[in-house]
């Protein structure tokens, strides 16, 4: 027979001041119809390039770095785009070589990649 008493909820692990991930990379993979006036990152191979960065990071044995697919980041005209936190650094990329350079230089080495950096004027963002 099943007991009607509720057990205590499990205790949460103690909180640490250190973040779970040291670096978090988000790739916009949003897809719109090919005829949409703003375009889309997903239509420019962003999902495949994100997956490539994930595989490369695993091959390099990187830990405490998270690489994620993300929905629309509202920078469609500039895409494909990614953002890296904690810095909030934005990049435009087109090839596996671009993605590998960003991973090795910025994510691992802490050195931005100026040729791929994306500077956005917030007043130009769509609502």
N, C-alpha and C. Protein backbone atom coordinates (compact mmCIF):
# COMPACT_ATOMS: atom_id res chain seq x y z
N UNK A 1 0.85 -1.19 0.00
CA UNK A 1 0.00 0.00 0.00
C UNK A 1 0.89 1.24 0.00
N UNK A 2 0.50 2.26 -0.78
CA UNK A 2 1.26 3.47 -0.93
C UNK A 2 1.03 4.37 0.29
N UNK A 3 2.09 4.97 0.80
CA UNK A 3 2.00 5.86 1.95
C UNK A 3 1.49 7.22 1.51
N UNK A 4 0.67 7.84 2.35
CA UNK A 4 0.17 9.18 2.05
C UNK A 4 1.08 10.27 2.58
N UNK A 5 2.13 9.91 3.27
CA UNK A 5 3.04 10.93 3.81
C UNK A 5 4.02 11.36 2.74
N UNK A 6 4.32 12.64 2.74
CA UNK A 6 5.28 13.19 1.79
C UNK A 6 6.65 13.20 2.43
N UNK A 7 7.62 12.83 1.70
CA UNK A 7 8.98 12.89 2.23
C UNK A 7 9.53 14.29 2.04
N UNK A 8 10.60 14.57 2.74
CA UNK A 8 11.26 15.87 2.62
C UNK A 8 11.82 16.01 1.20
N UNK A 9 11.74 17.21 0.63
CA UNK A 9 12.34 17.39 -0.71
C UNK A 9 13.86 17.26 -0.59
N UNK A 10 14.49 16.84 -1.67
CA UNK A 10 15.95 16.70 -1.61
C UNK A 10 16.60 18.05 -1.36
N UNK A 11 17.70 18.04 -0.66
CA UNK A 11 18.43 19.27 -0.38
C UNK A 11 19.20 19.71 -1.62
N UNK A 12 19.15 20.99 -1.90
CA UNK A 12 19.92 21.53 -3.01
C UNK A 12 21.40 21.53 -2.64
N UNK A 13 22.27 21.32 -3.62
CA UNK A 13 23.69 21.37 -3.31
C UNK A 13 24.07 22.77 -2.86
N UNK A 14 25.11 22.90 -2.06
CA UNK A 14 25.52 24.24 -1.60
C UNK A 14 25.91 25.12 -2.78
N UNK A 15 25.56 26.37 -2.70
CA UNK A 15 25.88 27.32 -3.76
C UNK A 15 27.35 27.73 -3.65
N UNK A 16 27.98 27.87 -4.81
CA UNK A 16 29.35 28.36 -4.85
C UNK A 16 29.34 29.70 -5.55
N UNK A 17 30.37 30.47 -5.35
CA UNK A 17 30.43 31.77 -6.00
C UNK A 17 30.97 31.65 -7.43
N UNK A 18 31.46 30.48 -7.80
CA UNK A 18 32.00 30.27 -9.12
C UNK A 18 30.89 29.83 -10.08
N UNK A 19 30.83 30.43 -11.28
CA UNK A 19 29.79 30.03 -12.23
C UNK A 19 30.01 28.61 -12.74
N UNK A 20 28.94 27.99 -13.17
CA UNK A 20 29.02 26.63 -13.72
C UNK A 20 29.88 26.63 -14.98
N UNK A 21 29.65 27.60 -15.86
CA UNK A 21 30.43 27.72 -17.09
C UNK A 21 31.26 28.99 -17.04
N UNK A 22 32.50 28.89 -17.48
CA UNK A 22 33.36 30.07 -17.55
C UNK A 22 33.03 30.91 -18.78
N UNK A 23 32.63 30.23 -19.85
CA UNK A 23 32.27 30.91 -21.09
C UNK A 23 31.00 30.25 -21.62
N UNK A 24 30.09 31.08 -22.11
CA UNK A 24 28.83 30.59 -22.67
C UNK A 24 28.66 31.23 -24.04
N UNK A 25 28.54 30.41 -25.08
CA UNK A 25 28.43 30.88 -26.45
C UNK A 25 27.02 30.56 -26.96
N UNK A 26 26.34 31.56 -27.50
CA UNK A 26 25.02 31.38 -28.07
C UNK A 26 25.06 31.67 -29.57
N UNK A 27 24.62 30.72 -30.38
CA UNK A 27 24.53 30.87 -31.83
C UNK A 27 23.06 31.07 -32.19
N UNK A 28 22.74 32.15 -32.88
CA UNK A 28 21.39 32.30 -33.41
C UNK A 28 21.21 31.27 -34.52
N UNK A 29 20.16 30.47 -34.42
CA UNK A 29 19.86 29.50 -35.49
C UNK A 29 18.45 29.72 -36.04
N UNK A 30 17.88 30.90 -35.75
CA UNK A 30 16.51 31.18 -36.20
C UNK A 30 16.41 31.08 -37.72
N UNK A 31 15.31 30.51 -38.19
CA UNK A 31 15.08 30.37 -39.63
C UNK A 31 13.80 31.08 -40.02
N UNK A 32 13.90 31.83 -41.09
CA UNK A 32 12.75 32.50 -41.70
C UNK A 32 12.66 32.03 -43.14
N UNK A 33 11.54 32.30 -43.81
CA UNK A 33 11.47 31.97 -45.24
C UNK A 33 12.59 32.70 -46.00
N UNK A 34 13.08 32.06 -47.05
CA UNK A 34 14.17 32.64 -47.84
C UNK A 34 13.84 34.02 -48.38
N UNK A 35 12.57 34.31 -48.58
CA UNK A 35 12.16 35.59 -49.15
C UNK A 35 12.00 36.70 -48.11
N UNK A 36 12.17 36.39 -46.82
CA UNK A 36 11.99 37.41 -45.77
C UNK A 36 13.02 38.51 -45.94
N UNK A 37 12.58 39.75 -45.83
CA UNK A 37 13.44 40.90 -46.09
C UNK A 37 14.62 41.02 -45.12
N UNK A 38 14.52 40.45 -43.92
CA UNK A 38 15.62 40.55 -42.95
C UNK A 38 16.58 39.37 -43.04
N UNK A 39 16.20 38.33 -43.77
CA UNK A 39 17.05 37.15 -43.82
C UNK A 39 16.98 36.39 -42.50
N UNK A 40 17.85 35.41 -42.33
CA UNK A 40 17.90 34.69 -41.07
C UNK A 40 19.24 33.99 -40.92
N UNK A 41 19.66 33.84 -39.69
CA UNK A 41 20.93 33.15 -39.42
C UNK A 41 20.84 31.69 -39.81
N UNK A 42 19.70 31.06 -39.52
CA UNK A 42 19.53 29.66 -39.84
C UNK A 42 19.67 29.37 -41.32
N UNK A 43 19.29 30.32 -42.15
CA UNK A 43 19.42 30.17 -43.59
C UNK A 43 20.84 30.33 -44.09
N UNK A 44 21.74 30.68 -43.18
CA UNK A 44 23.15 30.90 -43.53
C UNK A 44 24.07 29.91 -42.80
N UNK A 45 23.55 28.69 -42.55
CA UNK A 45 24.30 27.57 -41.99
C UNK A 45 24.71 27.74 -40.52
N UNK A 46 24.02 28.59 -39.77
CA UNK A 46 24.42 28.81 -38.38
C UNK A 46 24.30 27.54 -37.52
N UNK A 47 23.28 26.73 -37.75
CA UNK A 47 23.12 25.50 -36.96
C UNK A 47 24.31 24.57 -37.20
N UNK A 48 24.68 24.39 -38.44
CA UNK A 48 25.80 23.51 -38.77
C UNK A 48 27.11 24.04 -38.19
N UNK A 49 27.30 25.36 -38.24
CA UNK A 49 28.54 25.94 -37.72
C UNK A 49 28.57 25.90 -36.19
N UNK A 50 27.43 26.03 -35.55
CA UNK A 50 27.36 25.86 -34.09
C UNK A 50 27.73 24.42 -33.72
N UNK A 51 27.15 23.48 -34.42
CA UNK A 51 27.46 22.08 -34.15
C UNK A 51 28.93 21.78 -34.39
N UNK A 52 29.52 22.43 -35.39
CA UNK A 52 30.95 22.27 -35.65
C UNK A 52 31.76 22.77 -34.44
N UNK A 53 31.40 23.95 -33.92
CA UNK A 53 32.13 24.47 -32.76
C UNK A 53 31.99 23.52 -31.57
N UNK A 54 30.82 22.96 -31.37
CA UNK A 54 30.61 21.99 -30.28
C UNK A 54 31.54 20.78 -30.44
N UNK A 55 31.58 20.23 -31.64
CA UNK A 55 32.45 19.06 -31.88
C UNK A 55 33.92 19.41 -31.69
N UNK A 56 34.32 20.59 -32.16
CA UNK A 56 35.71 21.01 -32.01
C UNK A 56 36.06 21.19 -30.54
N UNK A 57 35.16 21.79 -29.77
CA UNK A 57 35.40 21.98 -28.33
C UNK A 57 35.55 20.64 -27.63
N UNK A 58 34.73 19.66 -28.01
CA UNK A 58 34.84 18.32 -27.41
C UNK A 58 36.16 17.67 -27.80
N UNK A 59 36.54 17.80 -29.07
CA UNK A 59 37.82 17.24 -29.54
C UNK A 59 39.00 17.84 -28.78
N UNK A 60 38.91 19.14 -28.48
CA UNK A 60 39.98 19.81 -27.75
C UNK A 60 39.92 19.53 -26.25
N UNK A 61 38.88 18.84 -25.80
CA UNK A 61 38.75 18.49 -24.39
C UNK A 61 38.40 19.67 -23.50
N UNK A 62 37.72 20.66 -24.06
CA UNK A 62 37.39 21.86 -23.29
C UNK A 62 36.30 21.57 -22.27
N UNK A 63 36.44 22.10 -21.10
CA UNK A 63 35.48 21.93 -20.02
C UNK A 63 35.00 23.32 -19.58
N UNK A 64 33.83 23.33 -18.99
CA UNK A 64 33.24 24.55 -18.43
C UNK A 64 33.04 25.64 -19.48
N UNK A 65 32.84 25.18 -20.71
CA UNK A 65 32.47 26.05 -21.82
C UNK A 65 31.20 25.46 -22.40
N UNK A 66 30.17 26.30 -22.55
CA UNK A 66 28.89 25.81 -23.06
C UNK A 66 28.61 26.50 -24.38
N UNK A 67 28.25 25.72 -25.38
CA UNK A 67 27.93 26.23 -26.71
C UNK A 67 26.50 25.82 -27.00
N UNK A 68 25.63 26.81 -27.23
CA UNK A 68 24.19 26.56 -27.37
C UNK A 68 23.61 27.10 -28.65
N UNK A 69 22.57 26.39 -29.14
CA UNK A 69 21.69 26.96 -30.16
C UNK A 69 20.82 27.99 -29.43
N UNK A 70 20.46 29.06 -30.11
CA UNK A 70 19.57 30.06 -29.54
C UNK A 70 18.55 30.47 -30.59
N UNK A 71 17.46 31.01 -30.11
CA UNK A 71 16.45 31.55 -31.02
C UNK A 71 16.92 32.89 -31.56
N UNK A 72 16.00 33.61 -32.16
CA UNK A 72 16.33 34.88 -32.81
C UNK A 72 16.98 35.87 -31.84
N UNK A 73 18.08 36.43 -32.28
CA UNK A 73 18.79 37.44 -31.49
C UNK A 73 18.55 38.84 -32.03
N UNK A 74 17.66 38.95 -33.02
CA UNK A 74 17.21 40.22 -33.56
C UNK A 74 18.31 40.99 -34.30
N UNK A 75 19.28 40.26 -34.85
CA UNK A 75 20.33 40.88 -35.66
C UNK A 75 20.41 40.19 -37.02
N UNK A 76 19.26 39.88 -37.55
CA UNK A 76 19.13 39.06 -38.75
C UNK A 76 19.94 39.57 -39.94
N UNK A 77 19.95 40.87 -40.13
CA UNK A 77 20.63 41.45 -41.28
C UNK A 77 22.14 41.24 -41.22
N UNK A 78 22.66 40.99 -40.03
CA UNK A 78 24.10 40.84 -39.82
C UNK A 78 24.55 39.39 -39.81
N UNK A 79 23.60 38.48 -39.84
CA UNK A 79 23.87 37.07 -39.56
C UNK A 79 24.68 36.35 -40.59
N UNK A 80 25.14 35.19 -40.18
CA UNK A 80 24.86 34.55 -38.90
C UNK A 80 25.67 35.18 -37.77
N UNK A 81 25.07 35.21 -36.57
CA UNK A 81 25.72 35.84 -35.43
C UNK A 81 25.78 34.90 -34.23
N UNK A 82 26.75 35.20 -33.37
CA UNK A 82 26.87 34.53 -32.07
C UNK A 82 27.23 35.60 -31.06
N UNK A 83 26.95 35.30 -29.79
CA UNK A 83 27.37 36.18 -28.70
C UNK A 83 28.04 35.31 -27.66
N UNK A 84 29.11 35.86 -27.08
CA UNK A 84 29.90 35.13 -26.08
C UNK A 84 29.83 35.88 -24.76
N UNK A 85 29.43 35.14 -23.73
CA UNK A 85 29.37 35.71 -22.38
C UNK A 85 30.40 35.02 -21.51
N UNK A 86 31.00 35.72 -20.54
CA UNK A 86 30.44 36.87 -19.86
C UNK A 86 30.71 38.23 -20.53
N UNK A 87 31.53 38.29 -21.57
CA UNK A 87 31.87 39.59 -22.15
C UNK A 87 30.74 40.26 -22.91
N UNK A 88 29.83 39.47 -23.48
CA UNK A 88 28.80 40.05 -24.34
C UNK A 88 29.38 40.44 -25.68
N UNK A 89 30.37 39.69 -26.16
CA UNK A 89 31.03 39.98 -27.44
C UNK A 89 30.25 39.33 -28.58
N UNK A 90 29.94 40.12 -29.59
CA UNK A 90 29.17 39.64 -30.74
C UNK A 90 30.10 39.39 -31.92
N UNK A 91 29.80 38.32 -32.66
CA UNK A 91 30.57 37.97 -33.84
C UNK A 91 29.67 37.60 -34.99
N UNK A 92 30.14 37.92 -36.19
CA UNK A 92 29.56 37.42 -37.45
C UNK A 92 30.57 36.40 -37.96
N UNK A 93 30.08 35.31 -38.52
CA UNK A 93 30.96 34.24 -38.98
C UNK A 93 30.33 33.63 -40.23
N UNK A 94 31.14 32.98 -41.03
CA UNK A 94 30.62 32.37 -42.26
C UNK A 94 31.15 30.97 -42.50
N UNK A 95 32.32 30.65 -41.95
CA UNK A 95 32.98 29.38 -42.28
C UNK A 95 33.40 28.63 -41.02
N UNK A 96 33.75 27.37 -41.21
CA UNK A 96 34.31 26.59 -40.11
C UNK A 96 35.61 27.22 -39.61
N UNK A 97 36.38 27.80 -40.51
CA UNK A 97 37.63 28.46 -40.11
C UNK A 97 37.34 29.65 -39.20
N UNK A 98 36.30 30.43 -39.50
CA UNK A 98 35.91 31.56 -38.64
C UNK A 98 35.56 31.06 -37.25
N UNK A 99 34.74 30.02 -37.19
CA UNK A 99 34.27 29.47 -35.92
C UNK A 99 35.44 28.91 -35.11
N UNK A 100 36.34 28.21 -35.78
CA UNK A 100 37.52 27.66 -35.09
C UNK A 100 38.40 28.77 -34.54
N UNK A 101 38.56 29.85 -35.31
CA UNK A 101 39.37 30.97 -34.85
C UNK A 101 38.74 31.63 -33.62
N UNK A 102 37.43 31.81 -33.64
CA UNK A 102 36.75 32.41 -32.48
C UNK A 102 36.90 31.51 -31.26
N UNK A 103 36.74 30.20 -31.45
CA UNK A 103 36.87 29.27 -30.32
C UNK A 103 38.28 29.32 -29.75
N UNK A 104 39.27 29.17 -30.59
CA UNK A 104 40.66 29.11 -30.09
C UNK A 104 41.14 30.44 -29.54
N UNK A 105 40.85 31.53 -30.24
CA UNK A 105 41.36 32.83 -29.83
C UNK A 105 40.55 33.43 -28.68
N UNK A 106 39.25 33.58 -28.87
CA UNK A 106 38.43 34.27 -27.87
C UNK A 106 37.99 33.36 -26.73
N UNK A 107 37.34 32.26 -27.07
CA UNK A 107 36.76 31.41 -26.03
C UNK A 107 37.86 30.79 -25.15
N UNK A 108 38.89 30.24 -25.78
CA UNK A 108 39.95 29.58 -25.02
C UNK A 108 41.01 30.59 -24.57
N UNK A 109 41.45 31.45 -25.49
CA UNK A 109 42.57 32.34 -25.20
C UNK A 109 42.22 33.69 -24.61
N UNK A 110 40.93 34.06 -24.65
CA UNK A 110 40.53 35.36 -24.11
C UNK A 110 40.91 36.53 -24.99
N UNK A 111 41.29 36.26 -26.24
CA UNK A 111 41.69 37.31 -27.17
C UNK A 111 40.62 37.48 -28.24
N UNK A 112 39.95 38.63 -28.28
CA UNK A 112 38.92 38.86 -29.30
C UNK A 112 39.49 38.72 -30.72
N UNK A 113 38.58 38.51 -31.67
CA UNK A 113 38.95 38.37 -33.08
C UNK A 113 38.36 39.59 -33.80
N UNK A 114 39.13 40.67 -33.91
CA UNK A 114 38.59 41.92 -34.46
C UNK A 114 37.99 41.79 -35.86
N UNK A 115 38.57 40.97 -36.73
CA UNK A 115 38.06 40.89 -38.10
C UNK A 115 36.65 40.31 -38.17
N UNK A 116 36.23 39.58 -37.13
CA UNK A 116 34.89 38.97 -37.11
C UNK A 116 33.96 39.65 -36.10
N UNK A 117 34.49 40.61 -35.34
CA UNK A 117 33.69 41.28 -34.32
C UNK A 117 32.56 42.06 -34.97
N UNK A 118 31.43 42.08 -34.29
CA UNK A 118 30.25 42.76 -34.78
C UNK A 118 29.91 43.87 -33.79
N UNK A 119 29.92 45.10 -34.28
CA UNK A 119 29.58 46.25 -33.45
C UNK A 119 28.17 46.70 -33.85
N UNK A 120 27.27 46.70 -32.89
CA UNK A 120 25.87 47.01 -33.16
C UNK A 120 25.47 48.32 -32.49
N UNK A 121 24.86 49.19 -33.24
CA UNK A 121 24.29 50.41 -32.67
C UNK A 121 22.91 50.04 -32.14
N UNK A 122 22.72 50.08 -30.81
CA UNK A 122 21.42 49.66 -30.23
C UNK A 122 20.21 50.41 -30.79
N UNK A 123 20.41 51.64 -31.28
CA UNK A 123 19.28 52.40 -31.81
C UNK A 123 18.77 51.83 -33.14
N UNK A 124 19.54 50.93 -33.75
CA UNK A 124 19.11 50.34 -35.02
C UNK A 124 18.36 49.03 -34.84
N UNK A 125 18.21 48.56 -33.61
CA UNK A 125 17.54 47.29 -33.37
C UNK A 125 16.06 47.39 -33.66
N UNK A 126 15.51 46.32 -34.20
CA UNK A 126 14.08 46.24 -34.46
C UNK A 126 13.38 45.89 -33.16
N UNK A 127 12.13 46.36 -33.00
CA UNK A 127 11.36 46.12 -31.78
C UNK A 127 10.88 44.73 -31.63
